């Protein structure tokens, strides 16, 4: 069951305000080849559908990060 507060108007506005900072961190990760961490990727994935496209491209480019998308969910693939 989805959390209705997660998609309230206020929550959507807050997530939109966080998008530029998160996008910048994802760009830095892509340019530096550094994994930004599963927790950060998961939060972006779970909170912001617009960032899912960026994350999909990053994971295709960097399979060594040990993160994959399984049935629309971000999962760790390496121990």
N, C-alpha and C. Protein backbone atom coordinates (compact mmCIF):
# COMPACT_ATOMS: atom_id res chain seq x y z
N UNK A 1 0.84 -1.17 0.00
CA UNK A 1 0.00 0.00 0.00
C UNK A 1 0.89 1.24 0.00
N UNK A 2 0.59 2.19 -0.84
CA UNK A 2 1.36 3.41 -0.92
C UNK A 2 1.04 4.33 0.24
N UNK A 3 2.04 5.09 0.64
CA UNK A 3 1.88 6.08 1.69
C UNK A 3 1.31 7.34 1.05
N UNK A 4 0.07 7.74 1.40
CA UNK A 4 -0.53 8.92 0.76
C UNK A 4 0.24 10.20 1.06
N UNK A 5 0.90 10.29 2.22
CA UNK A 5 1.68 11.48 2.55
C UNK A 5 2.90 11.61 1.65
N UNK A 6 3.41 10.50 1.17
CA UNK A 6 4.59 10.51 0.30
C UNK A 6 4.31 11.29 -0.98
N UNK A 7 3.07 11.26 -1.44
CA UNK A 7 2.73 11.92 -2.71
C UNK A 7 1.80 13.11 -2.50
N UNK A 8 1.82 13.67 -1.30
CA UNK A 8 1.04 14.88 -1.05
C UNK A 8 1.66 16.04 -1.83
N UNK A 9 0.90 17.11 -1.98
CA UNK A 9 1.41 18.27 -2.70
C UNK A 9 2.71 18.78 -2.07
N UNK A 10 2.74 18.85 -0.76
CA UNK A 10 3.92 19.34 -0.05
C UNK A 10 5.12 18.43 -0.28
N UNK A 11 4.90 17.14 -0.25
CA UNK A 11 5.99 16.19 -0.46
C UNK A 11 6.53 16.29 -1.89
N UNK A 12 5.64 16.45 -2.84
CA UNK A 12 6.07 16.58 -4.25
C UNK A 12 6.89 17.85 -4.44
N UNK A 13 6.46 18.94 -3.84
CA UNK A 13 7.21 20.20 -3.94
C UNK A 13 8.58 20.05 -3.31
N UNK A 14 8.65 19.42 -2.14
CA UNK A 14 9.94 19.22 -1.46
C UNK A 14 10.88 18.37 -2.31
N UNK A 15 10.35 17.33 -2.93
CA UNK A 15 11.17 16.46 -3.77
C UNK A 15 11.65 17.20 -5.02
N UNK A 16 10.79 18.02 -5.57
CA UNK A 16 11.18 18.83 -6.74
C UNK A 16 12.28 19.80 -6.38
N UNK A 17 12.23 20.34 -5.18
CA UNK A 17 13.27 21.26 -4.73
C UNK A 17 14.61 20.55 -4.51
N UNK A 18 14.56 19.27 -4.18
CA UNK A 18 15.78 18.49 -3.97
C UNK A 18 16.39 17.99 -5.28
N UNK A 19 15.60 17.98 -6.34
CA UNK A 19 16.05 17.40 -7.60
C UNK A 19 17.35 17.99 -8.14
N UNK A 20 17.53 19.33 -8.18
CA UNK A 20 18.79 19.85 -8.74
C UNK A 20 20.03 19.37 -7.98
N UNK A 21 19.95 19.33 -6.66
CA UNK A 21 21.09 18.87 -5.86
C UNK A 21 21.37 17.39 -6.13
N UNK A 22 20.32 16.60 -6.18
CA UNK A 22 20.48 15.16 -6.45
C UNK A 22 21.01 14.94 -7.86
N UNK A 23 20.49 15.70 -8.81
CA UNK A 23 20.95 15.57 -10.19
C UNK A 23 22.44 15.89 -10.29
N UNK A 24 22.86 16.93 -9.58
CA UNK A 24 24.28 17.31 -9.59
C UNK A 24 25.14 16.18 -9.02
N UNK A 25 24.70 15.58 -7.94
CA UNK A 25 25.45 14.48 -7.34
C UNK A 25 25.53 13.29 -8.30
N UNK A 26 24.45 13.01 -9.03
CA UNK A 26 24.46 11.93 -10.01
C UNK A 26 25.40 12.25 -11.17
N UNK A 27 25.44 13.51 -11.60
CA UNK A 27 26.36 13.91 -12.68
C UNK A 27 27.80 13.77 -12.24
N UNK A 28 28.09 14.19 -11.02
CA UNK A 28 29.46 14.05 -10.48
C UNK A 28 29.84 12.58 -10.43
N UNK A 29 28.93 11.74 -10.00
CA UNK A 29 29.19 10.30 -9.94
C UNK A 29 29.51 9.75 -11.33
N UNK A 30 28.76 10.17 -12.32
CA UNK A 30 28.98 9.70 -13.69
C UNK A 30 30.34 10.17 -14.21
N UNK A 31 30.70 11.41 -13.93
CA UNK A 31 31.96 11.96 -14.43
C UNK A 31 33.17 11.43 -13.69
N UNK A 32 33.01 11.14 -12.42
CA UNK A 32 34.14 10.68 -11.60
C UNK A 32 34.22 9.15 -11.53
N UNK A 33 33.21 8.48 -12.06
CA UNK A 33 33.11 7.02 -12.03
C UNK A 33 32.93 6.48 -10.61
N UNK A 34 32.57 7.35 -9.68
CA UNK A 34 32.41 6.95 -8.28
C UNK A 34 30.96 6.64 -7.97
N UNK A 35 30.75 5.50 -7.35
CA UNK A 35 29.42 5.08 -6.93
C UNK A 35 28.93 6.02 -5.83
N UNK A 36 27.78 6.67 -6.00
CA UNK A 36 27.29 7.57 -4.97
C UNK A 36 26.69 6.84 -3.77
N UNK A 37 26.62 5.53 -3.84
CA UNK A 37 26.11 4.73 -2.74
C UNK A 37 24.69 4.25 -2.99
N UNK A 38 24.45 3.02 -2.56
CA UNK A 38 23.14 2.42 -2.78
C UNK A 38 22.04 3.21 -2.09
N UNK A 39 22.29 3.66 -0.86
CA UNK A 39 21.26 4.38 -0.11
C UNK A 39 20.83 5.64 -0.86
N UNK A 40 21.80 6.40 -1.38
CA UNK A 40 21.47 7.61 -2.13
C UNK A 40 20.70 7.27 -3.41
N UNK A 41 21.18 6.29 -4.15
CA UNK A 41 20.49 5.88 -5.38
C UNK A 41 19.07 5.42 -5.08
N UNK A 42 18.91 4.65 -4.01
CA UNK A 42 17.59 4.15 -3.65
C UNK A 42 16.65 5.28 -3.28
N UNK A 43 17.15 6.26 -2.50
CA UNK A 43 16.30 7.39 -2.11
C UNK A 43 15.86 8.17 -3.35
N UNK A 44 16.79 8.42 -4.25
CA UNK A 44 16.44 9.14 -5.49
C UNK A 44 15.41 8.34 -6.29
N UNK A 45 15.65 7.05 -6.42
CA UNK A 45 14.76 6.17 -7.18
C UNK A 45 13.37 6.15 -6.58
N UNK A 46 13.31 6.04 -5.25
CA UNK A 46 12.04 5.91 -4.56
C UNK A 46 11.27 7.23 -4.50
N UNK A 47 12.00 8.35 -4.41
CA UNK A 47 11.36 9.65 -4.21
C UNK A 47 11.01 10.39 -5.49
N UNK A 48 11.74 10.17 -6.56
CA UNK A 48 11.64 11.05 -7.71
C UNK A 48 11.65 10.27 -9.02
N UNK A 49 10.47 10.02 -9.58
CA UNK A 49 10.41 9.26 -10.83
C UNK A 49 11.23 9.89 -11.96
N UNK A 50 11.41 11.20 -11.94
CA UNK A 50 12.21 11.85 -12.99
C UNK A 50 13.67 11.42 -12.92
N UNK A 51 14.17 11.13 -11.73
CA UNK A 51 15.56 10.71 -11.58
C UNK A 51 15.75 9.23 -11.93
N UNK A 52 14.67 8.49 -12.02
CA UNK A 52 14.79 7.08 -12.37
C UNK A 52 15.43 6.90 -13.74
N UNK A 53 15.13 7.79 -14.66
CA UNK A 53 15.72 7.70 -16.01
C UNK A 53 17.23 7.87 -15.93
N UNK A 54 17.68 8.83 -15.16
CA UNK A 54 19.10 9.08 -15.00
C UNK A 54 19.78 7.88 -14.34
N UNK A 55 19.14 7.35 -13.32
CA UNK A 55 19.71 6.20 -12.60
C UNK A 55 19.78 4.98 -13.51
N UNK A 56 18.76 4.75 -14.32
CA UNK A 56 18.79 3.62 -15.26
C UNK A 56 19.99 3.71 -16.18
N UNK A 57 20.26 4.90 -16.70
CA UNK A 57 21.41 5.10 -17.60
C UNK A 57 22.72 4.88 -16.86
N UNK A 58 22.82 5.37 -15.64
CA UNK A 58 24.04 5.19 -14.86
C UNK A 58 24.30 3.71 -14.58
N UNK A 59 23.26 2.98 -14.20
CA UNK A 59 23.44 1.57 -13.88
C UNK A 59 23.81 0.76 -15.11
N UNK A 60 23.31 1.15 -16.27
CA UNK A 60 23.71 0.47 -17.51
C UNK A 60 25.18 0.75 -17.83
N UNK A 61 25.61 1.95 -17.52
CA UNK A 61 26.99 2.37 -17.81
C UNK A 61 27.99 1.81 -16.79
N UNK A 62 27.53 1.63 -15.54
CA UNK A 62 28.42 1.21 -14.47
C UNK A 62 27.91 -0.04 -13.74
N UNK A 63 27.91 -1.20 -14.42
CA UNK A 63 27.43 -2.42 -13.75
C UNK A 63 28.31 -2.81 -12.56
N UNK A 64 29.54 -2.33 -12.53
CA UNK A 64 30.44 -2.65 -11.42
C UNK A 64 29.98 -2.04 -10.10
N UNK A 65 29.02 -1.13 -10.14
CA UNK A 65 28.49 -0.56 -8.90
C UNK A 65 27.69 -1.59 -8.11
N UNK A 66 27.32 -2.67 -8.76
CA UNK A 66 26.60 -3.73 -8.05
C UNK A 66 25.16 -3.39 -7.70
N UNK A 67 24.52 -2.60 -8.55
CA UNK A 67 23.12 -2.23 -8.36
C UNK A 67 22.37 -2.53 -9.64
N UNK A 68 21.19 -3.10 -9.52
CA UNK A 68 20.38 -3.44 -10.69
C UNK A 68 18.92 -3.08 -10.41
N UNK A 69 18.14 -3.11 -11.47
CA UNK A 69 16.71 -2.87 -11.37
C UNK A 69 16.02 -4.21 -11.64
N UNK A 70 15.28 -4.67 -10.65
CA UNK A 70 14.56 -5.94 -10.78
C UNK A 70 13.09 -5.66 -10.51
N UNK A 71 12.28 -5.90 -11.52
CA UNK A 71 10.83 -5.65 -11.41
C UNK A 71 10.53 -4.24 -10.91
N UNK A 72 11.30 -3.27 -11.42
CA UNK A 72 11.06 -1.88 -11.08
C UNK A 72 11.59 -1.44 -9.72
N UNK A 73 12.37 -2.32 -9.08
CA UNK A 73 12.92 -2.02 -7.76
C UNK A 73 14.44 -2.05 -7.84
N UNK A 74 15.09 -1.10 -7.18
CA UNK A 74 16.54 -1.07 -7.12
C UNK A 74 17.02 -2.11 -6.10
N UNK A 75 17.97 -2.94 -6.51
CA UNK A 75 18.51 -3.98 -5.62
C UNK A 75 20.02 -4.02 -5.75
N UNK A 76 20.67 -4.45 -4.70
CA UNK A 76 22.12 -4.68 -4.72
C UNK A 76 22.37 -6.04 -5.36
N UNK A 77 23.39 -6.09 -6.20
CA UNK A 77 23.70 -7.37 -6.85
C UNK A 77 24.99 -7.97 -6.34
N UNK A 78 25.77 -7.21 -5.60
CA UNK A 78 27.03 -7.70 -5.05
C UNK A 78 26.98 -7.64 -3.53
N UNK A 79 27.70 -8.54 -2.91
CA UNK A 79 27.76 -8.54 -1.44
C UNK A 79 28.67 -7.45 -0.92
